[in-house]
Amino acid sequence: MHSINAITLLGDVILNSLRFPFFRFAYFVLYTCTFVSFQWLVHMCVSKWWPYPFLDISYKYAPLVYLMVGVVHLPCYGMFALVIALKYWLARLFKWIIRKLSGDKQ
């Protein structure tokens, strides 16, 4: 599932021309915290299997695992920022092709 998410995220970055200011990385953090909180609430009320076994809070090292998962996500956010920067750099580099394809007469 993660690979499908990565492909759709890259497709979204390539196809849109919206700016992605640094503060919007807070949305990624907010989504992650919301997902974890939702999973905790569900498992507090209903005895179910965890989508990822290491998320089980009854595990002895669960706080350390949660911290490590958060730290591992930081390079992923950095790679996303680099992909966006690469997109804008390539757009500036090949601006004449973009103008030609869009039909600009300038």
N, C-alpha and C. Protein backbone atom coordinates (compact mmCIF):
# COMPACT_ATOMS: atom_id res chain seq x y z
N MET A 1 0.82 -1.19 0.00
CA MET A 1 0.00 0.00 0.00
C MET A 1 0.87 1.26 0.00
N HIS A 2 2.01 1.20 0.69
CA HIS A 2 2.88 2.37 0.73
C HIS A 2 3.40 2.74 -0.65
N SER A 3 3.67 1.74 -1.48
CA SER A 3 4.18 2.05 -2.82
C SER A 3 3.11 2.74 -3.67
N ILE A 4 1.86 2.34 -3.52
CA ILE A 4 0.77 3.00 -4.25
C ILE A 4 0.64 4.45 -3.78
N ASN A 5 0.74 4.67 -2.46
CA ASN A 5 0.69 6.03 -1.94
C ASN A 5 1.85 6.87 -2.47
N ALA A 6 3.03 6.29 -2.54
CA ALA A 6 4.20 7.03 -3.05
C ALA A 6 4.00 7.40 -4.51
N ILE A 7 3.46 6.48 -5.30
CA ILE A 7 3.24 6.75 -6.73
C ILE A 7 2.22 7.87 -6.91
N THR A 8 1.12 7.81 -6.16
CA THR A 8 0.10 8.86 -6.30
C THR A 8 0.61 10.20 -5.79
N LEU A 9 1.42 10.18 -4.74
CA LEU A 9 2.00 11.42 -4.23
C LEU A 9 2.95 12.04 -5.26
N LEU A 10 3.79 11.22 -5.88
CA LEU A 10 4.69 11.73 -6.92
C LEU A 10 3.91 12.24 -8.13
N GLY A 11 2.85 11.53 -8.50
CA GLY A 11 2.00 11.99 -9.60
C GLY A 11 1.37 13.33 -9.29
N ASP A 12 0.93 13.51 -8.06
CA ASP A 12 0.34 14.78 -7.65
C ASP A 12 1.36 15.90 -7.72
N VAL A 13 2.57 15.63 -7.26
CA VAL A 13 3.63 16.65 -7.30
C VAL A 13 3.96 17.03 -8.73
N ILE A 14 4.03 16.05 -9.61
CA ILE A 14 4.40 16.30 -11.00
C ILE A 14 3.31 17.08 -11.73
N LEU A 15 2.06 16.74 -11.48
CA LEU A 15 0.96 17.32 -12.25
C LEU A 15 0.46 18.67 -11.75
N ASN A 16 0.72 19.01 -10.50
CA ASN A 16 0.21 20.31 -10.04
C ASN A 16 1.31 21.36 -10.04
N SER A 17 0.91 22.59 -9.97
CA SER A 17 1.89 23.68 -9.94
C SER A 17 1.76 24.52 -8.68
N LEU A 18 1.19 23.94 -7.65
CA LEU A 18 1.03 24.65 -6.39
C LEU A 18 2.35 24.70 -5.64
N ARG A 19 2.56 25.77 -4.93
CA ARG A 19 3.74 25.88 -4.08
C ARG A 19 3.53 25.01 -2.84
N PHE A 20 4.60 24.53 -2.27
CA PHE A 20 4.52 23.72 -1.06
C PHE A 20 5.46 24.34 -0.02
N PRO A 21 4.98 25.38 0.70
CA PRO A 21 5.82 26.01 1.71
C PRO A 21 6.20 25.02 2.81
N PHE A 22 7.27 25.30 3.47
CA PHE A 22 7.80 24.38 4.49
C PHE A 22 6.80 24.11 5.60
N PHE A 23 5.98 25.10 5.97
CA PHE A 23 5.05 24.90 7.08
C PHE A 23 4.02 23.81 6.79
N ARG A 24 3.81 23.48 5.53
CA ARG A 24 2.80 22.47 5.20
C ARG A 24 3.24 21.05 5.54
N PHE A 25 4.49 20.88 5.92
CA PHE A 25 4.90 19.57 6.41
C PHE A 25 4.17 19.24 7.70
N ALA A 26 3.62 20.25 8.34
CA ALA A 26 2.82 20.02 9.54
C ALA A 26 1.62 19.14 9.23
N TYR A 27 1.12 19.18 8.00
CA TYR A 27 -0.01 18.32 7.62
C TYR A 27 0.37 16.84 7.70
N PHE A 28 1.59 16.51 7.28
CA PHE A 28 2.05 15.14 7.39
C PHE A 28 2.10 14.70 8.85
N VAL A 29 2.63 15.55 9.70
CA VAL A 29 2.72 15.24 11.12
C VAL A 29 1.33 15.12 11.72
N LEU A 30 0.44 16.03 11.35
CA LEU A 30 -0.93 16.00 11.85
C LEU A 30 -1.64 14.71 11.43
N TYR A 31 -1.47 14.30 10.17
CA TYR A 31 -2.09 13.06 9.70
C TYR A 31 -1.55 11.86 10.47
N THR A 32 -0.25 11.81 10.68
CA THR A 32 0.35 10.69 11.40
C THR A 32 -0.16 10.63 12.83
N CYS A 33 -0.21 11.77 13.50
CA CYS A 33 -0.71 11.80 14.88
C CYS A 33 -2.19 11.41 14.94
N THR A 34 -2.96 11.85 13.97
CA THR A 34 -4.38 11.50 13.92
C THR A 34 -4.55 10.00 13.72
N PHE A 35 -3.77 9.41 12.82
CA PHE A 35 -3.85 7.97 12.58
C PHE A 35 -3.51 7.18 13.84
N VAL A 36 -2.43 7.56 14.50
CA VAL A 36 -2.01 6.84 15.71
C VAL A 36 -3.05 7.00 16.81
N SER A 37 -3.57 8.21 16.99
CA SER A 37 -4.59 8.44 18.02
C SER A 37 -5.85 7.64 17.73
N PHE A 38 -6.26 7.60 16.48
CA PHE A 38 -7.44 6.82 16.09
C PHE A 38 -7.22 5.34 16.39
N GLN A 39 -6.05 4.83 16.04
CA GLN A 39 -5.75 3.42 16.31
C GLN A 39 -5.76 3.13 17.80
N TRP A 40 -5.21 4.04 18.60
CA TRP A 40 -5.23 3.85 20.04
C TRP A 40 -6.65 3.82 20.57
N LEU A 41 -7.50 4.73 20.11
CA LEU A 41 -8.89 4.76 20.57
C LEU A 41 -9.64 3.50 20.17
N VAL A 42 -9.45 3.05 18.95
CA VAL A 42 -10.13 1.83 18.49
C VAL A 42 -9.69 0.64 19.34
N HIS A 43 -8.39 0.52 19.58
CA HIS A 43 -7.90 -0.63 20.33
C HIS A 43 -8.16 -0.52 21.83
N MET A 44 -8.46 0.67 22.30
CA MET A 44 -8.84 0.84 23.69
C MET A 44 -10.28 0.34 23.89
N CYS A 45 -11.13 0.53 22.89
CA CYS A 45 -12.54 0.16 23.00
C CYS A 45 -12.83 -1.26 22.50
N VAL A 46 -12.09 -1.71 21.50
CA VAL A 46 -12.36 -3.00 20.87
C VAL A 46 -11.05 -3.78 20.79
N SER A 47 -11.12 -5.05 21.13
CA SER A 47 -9.92 -5.88 21.02
C SER A 47 -9.78 -6.35 19.57
N LYS A 48 -8.85 -5.75 18.87
CA LYS A 48 -8.61 -6.07 17.46
C LYS A 48 -7.11 -6.26 17.25
N TRP A 49 -6.76 -6.78 16.09
CA TRP A 49 -5.35 -6.89 15.74
C TRP A 49 -4.85 -5.52 15.30
N TRP A 50 -3.59 -5.27 15.51
CA TRP A 50 -2.98 -4.00 15.11
C TRP A 50 -2.57 -4.08 13.65
N PRO A 51 -2.73 -2.99 12.88
CA PRO A 51 -2.32 -3.02 11.48
C PRO A 51 -0.82 -3.26 11.34
N TYR A 52 -0.06 -2.78 12.31
CA TYR A 52 1.38 -3.03 12.37
C TYR A 52 1.67 -3.55 13.78
N PRO A 53 2.27 -4.71 13.92
CA PRO A 53 2.48 -5.28 15.26
C PRO A 53 3.28 -4.38 16.20
N PHE A 54 4.20 -3.60 15.67
CA PHE A 54 5.03 -2.76 16.53
C PHE A 54 4.26 -1.57 17.10
N LEU A 55 3.04 -1.32 16.63
CA LEU A 55 2.23 -0.23 17.18
C LEU A 55 1.52 -0.63 18.47
N ASP A 56 1.51 -1.90 18.78
CA ASP A 56 0.82 -2.39 19.98
C ASP A 56 1.41 -1.72 21.22
N ILE A 57 0.59 -0.98 21.95
CA ILE A 57 1.12 -0.22 23.09
C ILE A 57 1.38 -1.10 24.31
N SER A 58 0.97 -2.36 24.29
CA SER A 58 1.30 -3.25 25.39
C SER A 58 2.72 -3.80 25.26
N TYR A 59 3.34 -3.57 24.12
CA TYR A 59 4.73 -3.98 23.90
C TYR A 59 5.64 -3.18 24.82
N LYS A 60 6.63 -3.85 25.39
CA LYS A 60 7.50 -3.23 26.39
C LYS A 60 8.22 -1.98 25.87
N TYR A 61 8.66 -2.03 24.63
CA TYR A 61 9.44 -0.93 24.06
C TYR A 61 8.60 -0.05 23.12
N ALA A 62 7.30 -0.03 23.30
CA ALA A 62 6.41 0.73 22.41
C ALA A 62 6.78 2.22 22.31
N PRO A 63 7.07 2.92 23.42
CA PRO A 63 7.43 4.34 23.27
C PRO A 63 8.68 4.54 22.42
N LEU A 64 9.66 3.66 22.59
CA LEU A 64 10.88 3.76 21.79
C LEU A 64 10.60 3.48 20.32
N VAL A 65 9.74 2.51 20.06
CA VAL A 65 9.38 2.19 18.67
C VAL A 65 8.65 3.36 18.03
N TYR A 66 7.72 3.98 18.76
CA TYR A 66 7.01 5.14 18.22
C TYR A 66 7.98 6.29 17.92
N LEU A 67 8.93 6.50 18.80
CA LEU A 67 9.93 7.54 18.57
C LEU A 67 10.76 7.23 17.33
N MET A 68 11.17 5.98 17.17
CA MET A 68 11.98 5.59 16.01
C MET A 68 11.19 5.73 14.71
N VAL A 69 9.92 5.37 14.74
CA VAL A 69 9.09 5.52 13.53
C VAL A 69 9.00 7.00 13.15
N GLY A 70 8.84 7.86 14.14
CA GLY A 70 8.81 9.30 13.86
C GLY A 70 10.13 9.81 13.29
N VAL A 71 11.24 9.34 13.84
CA VAL A 71 12.56 9.76 13.35
C VAL A 71 12.80 9.25 11.94
N VAL A 72 12.35 8.04 11.64
CA VAL A 72 12.54 7.48 10.30
C VAL A 72 11.72 8.25 9.26
N HIS A 73 10.61 8.84 9.67
CA HIS A 73 9.80 9.61 8.72
C HIS A 73 10.45 10.93 8.32
N LEU A 74 11.32 11.48 9.14
CA LEU A 74 11.94 12.77 8.83
C LEU A 74 12.71 12.75 7.50
N PRO A 75 13.56 11.74 7.22
CA PRO A 75 14.21 11.72 5.90
C PRO A 75 13.22 11.60 4.75
N CYS A 76 12.10 10.93 4.98
CA CYS A 76 11.08 10.82 3.93
C CYS A 76 10.50 12.20 3.61
N TYR A 77 10.25 13.00 4.63
CA TYR A 77 9.76 14.36 4.39
C TYR A 77 10.81 15.18 3.66
N GLY A 78 12.08 14.99 4.02
CA GLY A 78 13.15 15.68 3.32
C GLY A 78 13.25 15.29 1.86
N MET A 79 13.06 14.00 1.57
CA MET A 79 13.09 13.55 0.17
C MET A 79 11.92 14.15 -0.61
N PHE A 80 10.78 14.28 0.03
CA PHE A 80 9.63 14.90 -0.63
C PHE A 80 9.94 16.36 -0.97
N ALA A 81 10.56 17.07 -0.03
CA ALA A 81 10.94 18.46 -0.29
C ALA A 81 11.95 18.54 -1.43
N LEU A 82 12.87 17.58 -1.51
CA LEU A 82 13.84 17.57 -2.61
C LEU A 82 13.17 17.29 -3.95
N VAL A 83 12.17 16.43 -3.97
CA VAL A 83 11.45 16.15 -5.21
C VAL A 83 10.75 17.42 -5.70
N ILE A 84 10.15 18.16 -4.78
CA ILE A 84 9.48 19.40 -5.16
C ILE A 84 10.50 20.42 -5.67
N ALA A 85 11.64 20.53 -4.98
CA ALA A 85 12.68 21.46 -5.43
C ALA A 85 13.21 21.05 -6.80
N LEU A 86 13.37 19.76 -7.03
CA LEU A 86 13.84 19.27 -8.33
C LEU A 86 12.84 19.61 -9.43
N LYS A 87 11.56 19.50 -9.11
CA LYS A 87 10.53 19.82 -10.10
C LYS A 87 10.63 21.29 -10.53
N TYR A 88 10.76 22.19 -9.57
CA TYR A 88 10.86 23.61 -9.90
C TYR A 88 12.17 23.93 -10.61
N TRP A 89 13.25 23.27 -10.24
CA TRP A 89 14.53 23.49 -10.90
C TRP A 89 14.45 23.04 -12.36
N LEU A 90 13.87 21.87 -12.60
CA LEU A 90 13.72 21.39 -13.98
C LEU A 90 12.79 22.28 -14.78
N ALA A 91 11.75 22.80 -14.14
CA ALA A 91 10.83 23.70 -14.85
C ALA A 91 11.54 24.98 -15.28
N ARG A 92 12.42 25.50 -14.42
CA ARG A 92 13.18 26.70 -14.81
C ARG A 92 14.20 26.37 -15.90
N LEU A 93 14.79 25.19 -15.82
CA LEU A 93 15.81 24.79 -16.78
C LEU A 93 15.21 24.60 -18.17
N PHE A 94 14.02 24.05 -18.25
CA PHE A 94 13.39 23.76 -19.53
C PHE A 94 12.16 24.64 -19.76
N LYS A 95 12.26 25.90 -19.36
CA LYS A 95 11.13 26.82 -19.49
C LYS A 95 10.70 26.99 -20.95
N TRP A 96 11.64 26.95 -21.88
CA TRP A 96 11.31 27.13 -23.30
C TRP A 96 10.45 25.99 -23.82
N ILE A 97 10.66 24.77 -23.31
CA ILE A 97 9.83 23.64 -23.73
C ILE A 97 8.41 23.81 -23.20
N ILE A 98 8.30 24.24 -21.96
CA ILE A 98 6.98 24.44 -21.35
C ILE A 98 6.21 25.51 -22.11
N ARG A 99 6.89 26.60 -22.47
CA ARG A 99 6.21 27.65 -23.24
C ARG A 99 5.76 27.14 -24.60
N LYS A 100 6.61 26.35 -25.24
CA LYS A 100 6.27 25.83 -26.56
C LYS A 100 5.06 24.88 -26.47
N LEU A 101 5.04 24.03 -25.45
CA LEU A 101 3.94 23.09 -25.29
C LEU A 101 2.64 23.78 -24.91
N SER A 102 2.74 24.87 -24.15
CA SER A 102 1.52 25.56 -23.72
C SER A 102 0.99 26.52 -24.78
N GLY A 103 1.77 26.76 -25.83
CA GLY A 103 1.30 27.61 -26.92
C GLY A 103 1.59 29.08 -26.74
N ASP A 104 2.44 29.44 -25.76
CA ASP A 104 2.81 30.85 -25.59
C ASP A 104 3.61 31.33 -26.79
N LYS A 105 3.38 32.57 -27.20
CA LYS A 105 4.09 33.14 -28.36
C LYS A 105 5.28 33.99 -27.93
N GLN A 106 5.61 34.03 -26.65
CA GLN A 106 6.71 34.88 -26.17
C GLN A 106 8.04 34.33 -26.51
